[in-house]
């Protein structure tokens, strides 16, 4: 996970924005909360998760083990157990004092209290909630976490999901804060829609101009030292580029006048 994977901070959604979430957005947000189920040695607690983002969801974790796509099948297997358990998502309204106490005891983002192991990031998340705004938890099974929701009714309503990528991200998007691991995924109502989505993604990759240009030997893209938006033209690509520039520099023919139209076609009427 390199620095180029750093993601900008996402603006916090208001309660009104959350209530406008579509059914699919609720499914994806609920899928993200299943992320607390990681198998050993990946067991960890979620630091921060967001309402559904475009095309999916993500959640941030603090973990010494460097997560890679090879870990996804094991994580997904644990998440599927939560779906099969079909726990209800129970909303709990608490005071700020209670939330602070639960964060300090390590109860938030966990299956139980952890004396001496406070949920330090949850304390920071509490500070983001404006005074006067209700503070809520969502509980599924034994798991409780600070969350404004909304969610689907039960974990079994999540449908089909898949983890996709992992990147690095600073806590709250501030480089002075600890660096976390951000796991991305997507979810749909059923497996058919999930498969259709990934088929579309694969077809788009085949038509990716960056891939096609490199395969044809037209240009190379160096994202580390040059940037993803500036192609480095290779000899074959340079020939095509110069031909296009030459064509562009050629003066265009002047538009035909009404008089010239009559000379070339006397019977033609000028409009």
C-alpha atoms as a PDB file:
ATOM      1  CA  UNK A   1       0.000   0.000   0.000  1.00  0.00           C
ATOM      2  CA  UNK A   2       1.809   3.081  -1.214  1.00  0.00           C
ATOM      3  CA  UNK A   3       1.254   6.776  -0.611  1.00  0.00           C
ATOM      4  CA  UNK A   4      -0.526   7.076  -3.936  1.00  0.00           C
ATOM      5  CA  UNK A   5      -3.340   5.052  -2.417  1.00  0.00           C
ATOM      6  CA  UNK A   6      -4.081   7.738   0.159  1.00  0.00           C
ATOM      7  CA  UNK A   7      -7.714   8.799  -0.014  1.00  0.00           C
ATOM      8  CA  UNK A   8      -9.037  12.318   0.672  1.00  0.00           C
ATOM      9  CA  UNK A   9     -11.269  12.734   3.716  1.00  0.00           C
ATOM     10  CA  UNK A  10     -14.983  12.233   3.050  1.00  0.00           C
ATOM     11  CA  UNK A  11     -17.401  14.869   4.281  1.00  0.00           C
ATOM     12  CA  UNK A  12     -19.544  13.607   7.125  1.00  0.00           C
ATOM     13  CA  UNK A  13     -23.129  12.917   6.102  1.00  0.00           C
ATOM     14  CA  UNK A  14     -25.889  14.661   8.033  1.00  0.00           C
ATOM     15  CA  UNK A  15     -28.744  12.694   9.592  1.00  0.00           C
ATOM     16  CA  UNK A  16     -31.049  14.020   6.866  1.00  0.00           C
ATOM     17  CA  UNK A  17     -28.646  12.738   4.197  1.00  0.00           C
ATOM     18  CA  UNK A  18     -28.562   9.335   5.853  1.00  0.00           C
ATOM     19  CA  UNK A  19     -32.351   9.037   5.924  1.00  0.00           C
ATOM     20  CA  UNK A  20     -32.344   9.549   2.143  1.00  0.00           C
ATOM     21  CA  UNK A  21     -30.081   6.543   1.566  1.00  0.00           C
ATOM     22  CA  UNK A  22     -31.475   4.093  -0.976  1.00  0.00           C
ATOM     23  CA  UNK A  23     -32.076   0.423  -0.255  1.00  0.00           C
ATOM     24  CA  UNK A  24     -28.873  -0.487  -2.079  1.00  0.00           C
ATOM     25  CA  UNK A  25     -26.891   2.081  -0.056  1.00  0.00           C
ATOM     26  CA  UNK A  26     -28.272   0.605   3.158  1.00  0.00           C
ATOM     27  CA  UNK A  27     -27.269  -2.866   2.023  1.00  0.00           C
ATOM     28  CA  UNK A  28     -23.727  -1.674   1.357  1.00  0.00           C
ATOM     29  CA  UNK A  29     -23.478   0.215   4.629  1.00  0.00           C
ATOM     30  CA  UNK A  30     -24.676  -2.895   6.461  1.00  0.00           C
ATOM     31  CA  UNK A  31     -22.124  -5.043   4.616  1.00  0.00           C
ATOM     32  CA  UNK A  32     -19.363  -2.774   5.919  1.00  0.00           C
ATOM     33  CA  UNK A  33     -20.356  -3.446   9.523  1.00  0.00           C
ATOM     34  CA  UNK A  34     -19.751  -7.179   8.956  1.00  0.00           C
ATOM     35  CA  UNK A  35     -16.078  -6.265   8.627  1.00  0.00           C
ATOM     36  CA  UNK A  36     -15.631  -6.768  12.382  1.00  0.00           C
ATOM     37  CA  UNK A  37     -15.479 -10.513  11.676  1.00  0.00           C
ATOM     38  CA  UNK A  38     -11.835 -11.192  10.791  1.00  0.00           C
ATOM     39  CA  UNK A  39     -10.260 -14.627  11.281  1.00  0.00           C
ATOM     40  CA  UNK A  40      -6.987 -15.079  13.232  1.00  0.00           C
ATOM     41  CA  UNK A  41      -4.368 -13.707  12.713  1.00  0.00           C
ATOM     42  CA  UNK A  42      -6.425 -10.914  11.152  1.00  0.00           C
ATOM     43  CA  UNK A  43      -8.711 -10.386  14.152  1.00  0.00           C
ATOM     44  CA  UNK A  44      -9.090  -6.680  14.692  1.00  0.00           C
ATOM     45  CA  UNK A  45     -11.598  -3.969  15.410  1.00  0.00           C
ATOM     46  CA  UNK A  46     -12.953  -1.477  12.911  1.00  0.00           C
ATOM     47  CA  UNK A  47     -11.752   2.086  13.356  1.00  0.00           C
ATOM     48  CA  UNK A  48     -14.092   3.929  11.049  1.00  0.00           C
ATOM     49  CA  UNK A  49     -16.642   3.069   8.388  1.00  0.00           C
ATOM     50  CA  UNK A  50     -18.643   5.340   6.138  1.00  0.00           C
ATOM     51  CA  UNK A  51     -22.110   5.212   4.632  1.00  0.00           C
ATOM     52  CA  UNK A  52     -22.049   3.608   1.201  1.00  0.00           C
ATOM     53  CA  UNK A  53     -19.766   5.297  -1.313  1.00  0.00           C
ATOM     54  CA  UNK A  54     -20.077   5.151  -5.090  1.00  0.00           C
ATOM     55  CA  UNK A  55     -20.119   1.509  -6.232  1.00  0.00           C
ATOM     56  CA  UNK A  56     -19.644   0.023  -2.779  1.00  0.00           C
ATOM     57  CA  UNK A  57     -18.386   0.518   0.773  1.00  0.00           C
ATOM     58  CA  UNK A  58     -15.201   0.658   2.814  1.00  0.00           C
ATOM     59  CA  UNK A  59     -14.025   0.422   6.396  1.00  0.00           C
ATOM     60  CA  UNK A  60     -10.725   1.339   8.060  1.00  0.00           C
ATOM     61  CA  UNK A  61      -8.815  -0.942  10.408  1.00  0.00           C
ATOM     62  CA  UNK A  62      -5.712  -0.732  12.570  1.00  0.00           C
ATOM     63  CA  UNK A  63      -3.783  -3.958  12.248  1.00  0.00           C
ATOM     64  CA  UNK A  64      -0.096  -4.922  12.385  1.00  0.00           C
ATOM     65  CA  UNK A  65      -0.645  -7.591   9.732  1.00  0.00           C
ATOM     66  CA  UNK A  66      -0.445  -6.101   6.236  1.00  0.00           C
ATOM     67  CA  UNK A  67      -3.702  -7.129   4.566  1.00  0.00           C
ATOM     68  CA  UNK A  68      -3.560  -8.219   0.919  1.00  0.00           C
ATOM     69  CA  UNK A  69      -6.151  -9.543  -1.560  1.00  0.00           C
ATOM     70  CA  UNK A  70      -5.002 -13.050  -0.604  1.00  0.00           C
ATOM     71  CA  UNK A  71      -6.633 -12.469   2.785  1.00  0.00           C
ATOM     72  CA  UNK A  72     -10.021 -11.562   1.290  1.00  0.00           C
ATOM     73  CA  UNK A  73     -11.455 -15.119   0.994  1.00  0.00           C
ATOM     74  CA  UNK A  74     -10.884 -15.785   4.706  1.00  0.00           C
ATOM     75  CA  UNK A  75     -12.407 -12.426   5.694  1.00  0.00           C
ATOM     76  CA  UNK A  76     -15.389 -12.960   3.373  1.00  0.00           C
ATOM     77  CA  UNK A  77     -15.972 -16.410   4.880  1.00  0.00           C
ATOM     78  CA  UNK A  78     -16.312 -14.866   8.347  1.00  0.00           C
ATOM     79  CA  UNK A  79     -18.588 -12.125   7.021  1.00  0.00           C
ATOM     80  CA  UNK A  80     -20.834 -14.742   5.412  1.00  0.00           C
ATOM     81  CA  UNK A  81     -21.260 -16.390   8.803  1.00  0.00           C
ATOM     82  CA  UNK A  82     -22.790 -13.127  10.042  1.00  0.00           C
ATOM     83  CA  UNK A  83     -25.178 -13.054   7.100  1.00  0.00           C
ATOM     84  CA  UNK A  84     -26.201 -16.660   7.712  1.00  0.00           C
ATOM     85  CA  UNK A  85     -26.773 -15.912  11.430  1.00  0.00           C
ATOM     86  CA  UNK A  86     -29.384 -13.347  10.337  1.00  0.00           C
ATOM     87  CA  UNK A  87     -28.950 -11.102  13.375  1.00  0.00           C
ATOM     88  CA  UNK A  88     -31.216  -8.081  13.690  1.00  0.00           C
ATOM     89  CA  UNK A  89     -29.685  -4.601  13.456  1.00  0.00           C
ATOM     90  CA  UNK A  90     -30.831  -2.985  16.699  1.00  0.00           C
ATOM     91  CA  UNK A  91     -30.546   0.789  17.060  1.00  0.00           C
ATOM     92  CA  UNK A  92     -29.657   2.107  20.544  1.00  0.00           C
ATOM     93  CA  UNK A  93     -29.735   5.785  21.526  1.00  0.00           C
ATOM     94  CA  UNK A  94     -27.228   6.697  24.258  1.00  0.00           C
ATOM     95  CA  UNK A  95     -25.889   9.785  25.991  1.00  0.00           C
ATOM     96  CA  UNK A  96     -22.496  11.230  25.160  1.00  0.00           C
ATOM     97  CA  UNK A  97     -21.343  10.269  28.646  1.00  0.00           C
ATOM     98  CA  UNK A  98     -22.352   6.629  28.105  1.00  0.00           C
ATOM     99  CA  UNK A  99     -20.686   6.541  24.688  1.00  0.00           C
ATOM    100  CA  UNK A 100     -17.477   7.965  26.135  1.00  0.00           C
ATOM    101  CA  UNK A 101     -17.543   5.368  28.920  1.00  0.00           C
ATOM    102  CA  UNK A 102     -18.086   2.526  26.448  1.00  0.00           C
ATOM    103  CA  UNK A 103     -15.265   3.772  24.239  1.00  0.00           C
ATOM    104  CA  UNK A 104     -12.885   3.957  27.189  1.00  0.00           C
ATOM    105  CA  UNK A 105     -13.804   0.412  28.264  1.00  0.00           C
ATOM    106  CA  UNK A 106     -13.109  -0.903  24.762  1.00  0.00           C
ATOM    107  CA  UNK A 107     -16.728  -1.981  24.249  1.00  0.00           C
ATOM    108  CA  UNK A 108     -17.301  -0.071  21.012  1.00  0.00           C
ATOM    109  CA  UNK A 109     -16.369  -1.877  17.827  1.00  0.00           C
ATOM    110  CA  UNK A 110     -16.060  -5.148  19.731  1.00  0.00           C
ATOM    111  CA  UNK A 111     -17.913  -8.241  20.937  1.00  0.00           C
ATOM    112  CA  UNK A 112     -17.418  -7.315  24.597  1.00  0.00           C
ATOM    113  CA  UNK A 113     -15.514  -5.068  26.971  1.00  0.00           C
ATOM    114  CA  UNK A 114     -11.713  -5.049  26.842  1.00  0.00           C
ATOM    115  CA  UNK A 115     -10.341  -3.604  30.103  1.00  0.00           C
ATOM    116  CA  UNK A 116      -7.175  -1.615  29.568  1.00  0.00           C
ATOM    117  CA  UNK A 117      -7.713  -1.580  25.805  1.00  0.00           C
ATOM    118  CA  UNK A 118      -9.848   1.494  25.027  1.00  0.00           C
ATOM    119  CA  UNK A 119     -11.432   2.135  21.632  1.00  0.00           C
ATOM    120  CA  UNK A 120      -9.192   5.180  21.148  1.00  0.00           C
ATOM    121  CA  UNK A 121     -10.408   6.005  17.649  1.00  0.00           C
ATOM    122  CA  UNK A 122     -14.042   5.819  18.753  1.00  0.00           C
ATOM    123  CA  UNK A 123     -13.301   8.571  21.255  1.00  0.00           C
ATOM    124  CA  UNK A 124     -12.098  10.668  18.319  1.00  0.00           C
ATOM    125  CA  UNK A 125     -15.180   9.734  16.282  1.00  0.00           C
ATOM    126  CA  UNK A 126     -17.416  10.905  19.123  1.00  0.00           C
ATOM    127  CA  UNK A 127     -15.844  14.347  18.859  1.00  0.00           C
ATOM    128  CA  UNK A 128     -17.123  14.579  15.260  1.00  0.00           C
ATOM    129  CA  UNK A 129     -20.750  14.317  16.393  1.00  0.00           C
ATOM    130  CA  UNK A 130     -22.179  17.831  16.923  1.00  0.00           C
ATOM    131  CA  UNK A 131     -23.611  18.750  20.305  1.00  0.00           C
ATOM    132  CA  UNK A 132     -27.347  18.138  20.343  1.00  0.00           C
ATOM    133  CA  UNK A 133     -27.241  15.429  17.673  1.00  0.00           C
ATOM    134  CA  UNK A 134     -28.443  12.016  18.907  1.00  0.00           C
ATOM    135  CA  UNK A 135     -25.656   9.502  19.530  1.00  0.00           C
ATOM    136  CA  UNK A 136     -26.565   6.009  18.414  1.00  0.00           C
ATOM    137  CA  UNK A 137     -25.129   2.506  18.394  1.00  0.00           C
ATOM    138  CA  UNK A 138     -26.084  -0.385  16.162  1.00  0.00           C
ATOM    139  CA  UNK A 139     -26.020  -3.856  17.646  1.00  0.00           C
ATOM    140  CA  UNK A 140     -25.976  -7.143  15.733  1.00  0.00           C
ATOM    141  CA  UNK A 141     -25.463 -10.269  17.788  1.00  0.00           C
ATOM    142  CA  UNK A 142     -22.874  -9.440  20.451  1.00  0.00           C
ATOM    143  CA  UNK A 143     -21.247  -6.742  18.344  1.00  0.00           C
ATOM    144  CA  UNK A 144     -21.904  -3.089  19.206  1.00  0.00           C
ATOM    145  CA  UNK A 145     -20.478  -0.052  17.481  1.00  0.00           C
ATOM    146  CA  UNK A 146     -20.936   3.680  17.238  1.00  0.00           C
ATOM    147  CA  UNK A 147     -22.996   4.264  14.087  1.00  0.00           C
ATOM    148  CA  UNK A 148     -25.643   6.697  12.845  1.00  0.00           C
ATOM    149  CA  UNK A 149     -27.081   4.134  10.403  1.00  0.00           C
ATOM    150  CA  UNK A 150     -29.371   3.414   8.755  1.00  0.00           C
ATOM    151  CA  UNK A 151     -29.092  -0.315   8.132  1.00  0.00           C
ATOM    152  CA  UNK A 152     -31.190  -3.103   6.697  1.00  0.00           C
ATOM    153  CA  UNK A 153     -33.442  -4.966   9.140  1.00  0.00           C
ATOM    154  CA  UNK A 154     -31.274  -8.085   9.506  1.00  0.00           C
ATOM    155  CA  UNK A 155     -27.772  -9.201   8.566  1.00  0.00           C
ATOM    156  CA  UNK A 156     -29.338 -11.751   6.219  1.00  0.00           C
ATOM    157  CA  UNK A 157     -30.717  -8.912   4.081  1.00  0.00           C
ATOM    158  CA  UNK A 158     -27.241  -7.944   2.878  1.00  0.00           C
ATOM    159  CA  UNK A 159     -27.440 -10.235  -0.157  1.00  0.00           C
ATOM    160  CA  UNK A 160     -24.239 -10.734  -2.162  1.00  0.00           C
ATOM    161  CA  UNK A 161     -20.945  -8.931  -1.530  1.00  0.00           C
ATOM    162  CA  UNK A 162     -17.272  -9.080  -2.396  1.00  0.00           C
ATOM    163  CA  UNK A 163     -14.134  -7.370  -1.091  1.00  0.00           C
ATOM    164  CA  UNK A 164     -12.196  -5.692  -3.883  1.00  0.00           C
ATOM    165  CA  UNK A 165      -9.106  -3.719  -2.863  1.00  0.00           C
ATOM    166  CA  UNK A 166      -7.080  -2.518   0.111  1.00  0.00           C
ATOM    167  CA  UNK A 167      -5.304   0.826   0.453  1.00  0.00           C
ATOM    168  CA  UNK A 168      -3.669   2.991   3.091  1.00  0.00           C
ATOM    169  CA  UNK A 169      -5.505   5.894   4.714  1.00  0.00           C
ATOM    170  CA  UNK A 170      -4.717   8.281   7.527  1.00  0.00           C
ATOM    171  CA  UNK A 171      -7.218   8.484  10.358  1.00  0.00           C
ATOM    172  CA  UNK A 172      -9.673  11.295   9.487  1.00  0.00           C
ATOM    173  CA  UNK A 173      -7.593  11.992   6.363  1.00  0.00           C
ATOM    174  CA  UNK A 174      -4.904  13.831   8.348  1.00  0.00           C
ATOM    175  CA  UNK A 175      -1.313  12.787   7.658  1.00  0.00           C
ATOM    176  CA  UNK A 176      -0.403  13.661  11.259  1.00  0.00           C
ATOM    177  CA  UNK A 177      -2.712  10.884  12.457  1.00  0.00           C
ATOM    178  CA  UNK A 178      -1.988   7.118  12.471  1.00  0.00           C
ATOM    179  CA  UNK A 179      -2.001   5.322   9.137  1.00  0.00           C
ATOM    180  CA  UNK A 180      -4.725   2.706   8.799  1.00  0.00           C
ATOM    181  CA  UNK A 181      -5.681   0.050   6.272  1.00  0.00           C
ATOM    182  CA  UNK A 182      -8.789   0.724   4.220  1.00  0.00           C
ATOM    183  CA  UNK A 183     -10.662  -2.277   2.838  1.00  0.00           C
ATOM    184  CA  UNK A 184     -13.026  -1.674  -0.060  1.00  0.00           C
ATOM    185  CA  UNK A 185     -15.879  -3.871  -1.219  1.00  0.00           C
ATOM    186  CA  UNK A 186     -19.225  -3.812  -2.929  1.00  0.00           C
ATOM    187  CA  UNK A 187     -22.603  -5.421  -2.328  1.00  0.00           C
ATOM    188  CA  UNK A 188     -25.846  -5.991  -4.209  1.00  0.00           C
ATOM    189  CA  UNK A 189     -29.285  -7.421  -3.525  1.00  0.00           C
ATOM    190  CA  UNK A 190     -28.361 -10.762  -5.079  1.00  0.00           C
ATOM    191  CA  UNK A 191     -25.530 -12.703  -6.715  1.00  0.00           C
ATOM    192  CA  UNK A 192     -26.868 -12.098 -10.233  1.00  0.00           C
ATOM    193  CA  UNK A 193     -26.475  -8.337  -9.852  1.00  0.00           C
ATOM    194  CA  UNK A 194     -23.043  -8.813  -8.269  1.00  0.00           C
ATOM    195  CA  UNK A 195     -21.852 -10.991 -11.170  1.00  0.00           C
ATOM    196  CA  UNK A 196     -23.227  -8.523 -13.730  1.00  0.00           C
ATOM    197  CA  UNK A 197     -21.321  -5.699 -12.058  1.00  0.00           C
ATOM    198  CA  UNK A 198     -17.979  -7.521 -12.151  1.00  0.00           C
ATOM    199  CA  UNK A 199     -18.582  -8.621 -15.760  1.00  0.00           C
ATOM    200  CA  UNK A 200     -19.033  -4.950 -16.641  1.00  0.00           C
ATOM    201  CA  UNK A 201     -15.812  -4.083 -14.793  1.00  0.00           C
ATOM    202  CA  UNK A 202     -13.860  -6.754 -16.690  1.00  0.00           C
ATOM    203  CA  UNK A 203     -15.218  -5.544 -20.036  1.00  0.00           C
ATOM    204  CA  UNK A 204     -14.225  -1.979 -19.163  1.00  0.00           C
ATOM    205  CA  UNK A 205     -10.681  -3.147 -18.357  1.00  0.00           C
ATOM    206  CA  UNK A 206     -10.391  -4.669 -21.830  1.00  0.00           C
ATOM    207  CA  UNK A 207     -11.189  -1.250 -23.339  1.00  0.00           C
ATOM    208  CA  UNK A 208      -8.922   0.698 -20.993  1.00  0.00           C
ATOM    209  CA  UNK A 209      -6.856   3.057 -23.184  1.00  0.00           C
ATOM    210  CA  UNK A 210      -3.924   2.787 -20.766  1.00  0.00           C
ATOM    211  CA  UNK A 211      -3.786  -0.980 -21.244  1.00  0.00           C
ATOM    212  CA  UNK A 212      -4.407  -0.892 -25.007  1.00  0.00           C
ATOM    213  CA  UNK A 213      -1.830   1.857 -25.609  1.00  0.00           C
ATOM    214  CA  UNK A 214       0.844  -0.037 -23.707  1.00  0.00           C
ATOM    215  CA  UNK A 215       0.067  -3.321 -25.507  1.00  0.00           C
ATOM    216  CA  UNK A 216       0.324  -1.592 -28.907  1.00  0.00           C
ATOM    217  CA  UNK A 217       3.610   0.055 -27.972  1.00  0.00           C
ATOM    218  CA  UNK A 218       2.221   3.569 -28.393  1.00  0.00           C
ATOM    219  CA  UNK A 219       3.028   5.012 -24.979  1.00  0.00           C
ATOM    220  CA  UNK A 220       3.890   4.184 -21.399  1.00  0.00           C
ATOM    221  CA  UNK A 221       2.396   5.614 -18.217  1.00  0.00           C
ATOM    222  CA  UNK A 222       4.594   6.085 -15.162  1.00  0.00           C
ATOM    223  CA  UNK A 223       2.286   6.772 -12.221  1.00  0.00           C
ATOM    224  CA  UNK A 224       5.118   6.983  -9.674  1.00  0.00           C
ATOM    225  CA  UNK A 225       7.453   9.574 -11.232  1.00  0.00           C
ATOM    226  CA  UNK A 226       5.402  11.312 -13.943  1.00  0.00           C
ATOM    227  CA  UNK A 227       1.739  10.904 -13.040  1.00  0.00           C
ATOM    228  CA  UNK A 228      -1.239   8.917 -14.357  1.00  0.00           C
ATOM    229  CA  UNK A 229      -2.437  11.689 -16.694  1.00  0.00           C
ATOM    230  CA  UNK A 230       0.756  12.209 -18.722  1.00  0.00           C
ATOM    231  CA  UNK A 231       1.643   9.467 -21.242  1.00  0.00           C
ATOM    232  CA  UNK A 232       5.267   8.985 -22.301  1.00  0.00           C
ATOM    233  CA  UNK A 233       5.110   8.591 -26.066  1.00  0.00           C
ATOM    234  CA  UNK A 234       7.083   5.731 -27.592  1.00  0.00           C
ATOM    235  CA  UNK A 235       8.392   5.806 -31.220  1.00  0.00           C
ATOM    236  CA  UNK A 236       5.245   4.261 -32.757  1.00  0.00           C
ATOM    237  CA  UNK A 237       2.994   6.522 -30.756  1.00  0.00           C
ATOM    238  CA  UNK A 238       5.083   9.579 -31.600  1.00  0.00           C
ATOM    239  CA  UNK A 239       4.559   8.946 -35.344  1.00  0.00           C
ATOM    240  CA  UNK A 240       0.796   8.906 -34.873  1.00  0.00           C
ATOM    241  CA  UNK A 241       0.917  11.988 -32.641  1.00  0.00           C
ATOM    242  CA  UNK A 242       2.948  13.970 -35.188  1.00  0.00           C
ATOM    243  CA  UNK A 243       0.601  12.945 -37.993  1.00  0.00           C
ATOM    244  CA  UNK A 244      -2.371  14.184 -35.992  1.00  0.00           C
ATOM    245  CA  UNK A 245      -0.601  17.473 -35.259  1.00  0.00           C
ATOM    246  CA  UNK A 246       0.249  17.875 -38.965  1.00  0.00           C
ATOM    247  CA  UNK A 247      -3.340  17.230 -39.975  1.00  0.00           C
ATOM    248  CA  UNK A 248      -4.538  19.723 -37.389  1.00  0.00           C
ATOM    249  CA  UNK A 249      -2.193  22.435 -38.740  1.00  0.00           C
ATOM    250  CA  UNK A 250      -3.425  22.130 -42.343  1.00  0.00           C
ATOM    251  CA  UNK A 251      -5.651  25.059 -43.356  1.00  0.00           C
ATOM    252  CA  UNK A 252      -9.222  24.033 -43.921  1.00  0.00           C
ATOM    253  CA  UNK A 253     -10.951  24.765 -47.263  1.00  0.00           C
ATOM    254  CA  UNK A 254     -13.002  27.981 -47.248  1.00  0.00           C
ATOM    255  CA  UNK A 255     -16.761  27.426 -47.199  1.00  0.00           C
ATOM    256  CA  UNK A 256     -18.418  27.457 -50.640  1.00  0.00           C
ATOM    257  CA  UNK A 257     -20.231  30.704 -51.505  1.00  0.00           C
ATOM    258  CA  UNK A 258     -23.601  30.916 -53.171  1.00  0.00           C
ATOM    259  CA  UNK A 259     -21.942  32.140 -56.402  1.00  0.00           C
ATOM    260  CA  UNK A 260     -19.546  29.184 -56.530  1.00  0.00           C
ATOM    261  CA  UNK A 261     -22.431  26.774 -55.977  1.00  0.00           C
ATOM    262  CA  UNK A 262     -24.221  28.238 -59.051  1.00  0.00           C
ATOM    263  CA  UNK A 263     -21.094  27.844 -61.215  1.00  0.00           C
ATOM    264  CA  UNK A 264     -20.625  24.192 -60.276  1.00  0.00           C
ATOM    265  CA  UNK A 265     -24.328  23.360 -60.330  1.00  0.00           C
ATOM    266  CA  UNK A 266     -26.399  25.967 -62.226  1.00  0.00           C
ATOM    267  CA  UNK A 267     -29.687  24.274 -61.454  1.00  0.00           C
ATOM    268  CA  UNK A 268     -28.996  24.102 -57.726  1.00  0.00           C
ATOM    269  CA  UNK A 269     -30.745  26.671 -55.602  1.00  0.00           C
ATOM    270  CA  UNK A 270     -28.867  28.535 -52.910  1.00  0.00           C
ATOM    271  CA  UNK A 271     -30.412  28.272 -49.479  1.00  0.00           C
END
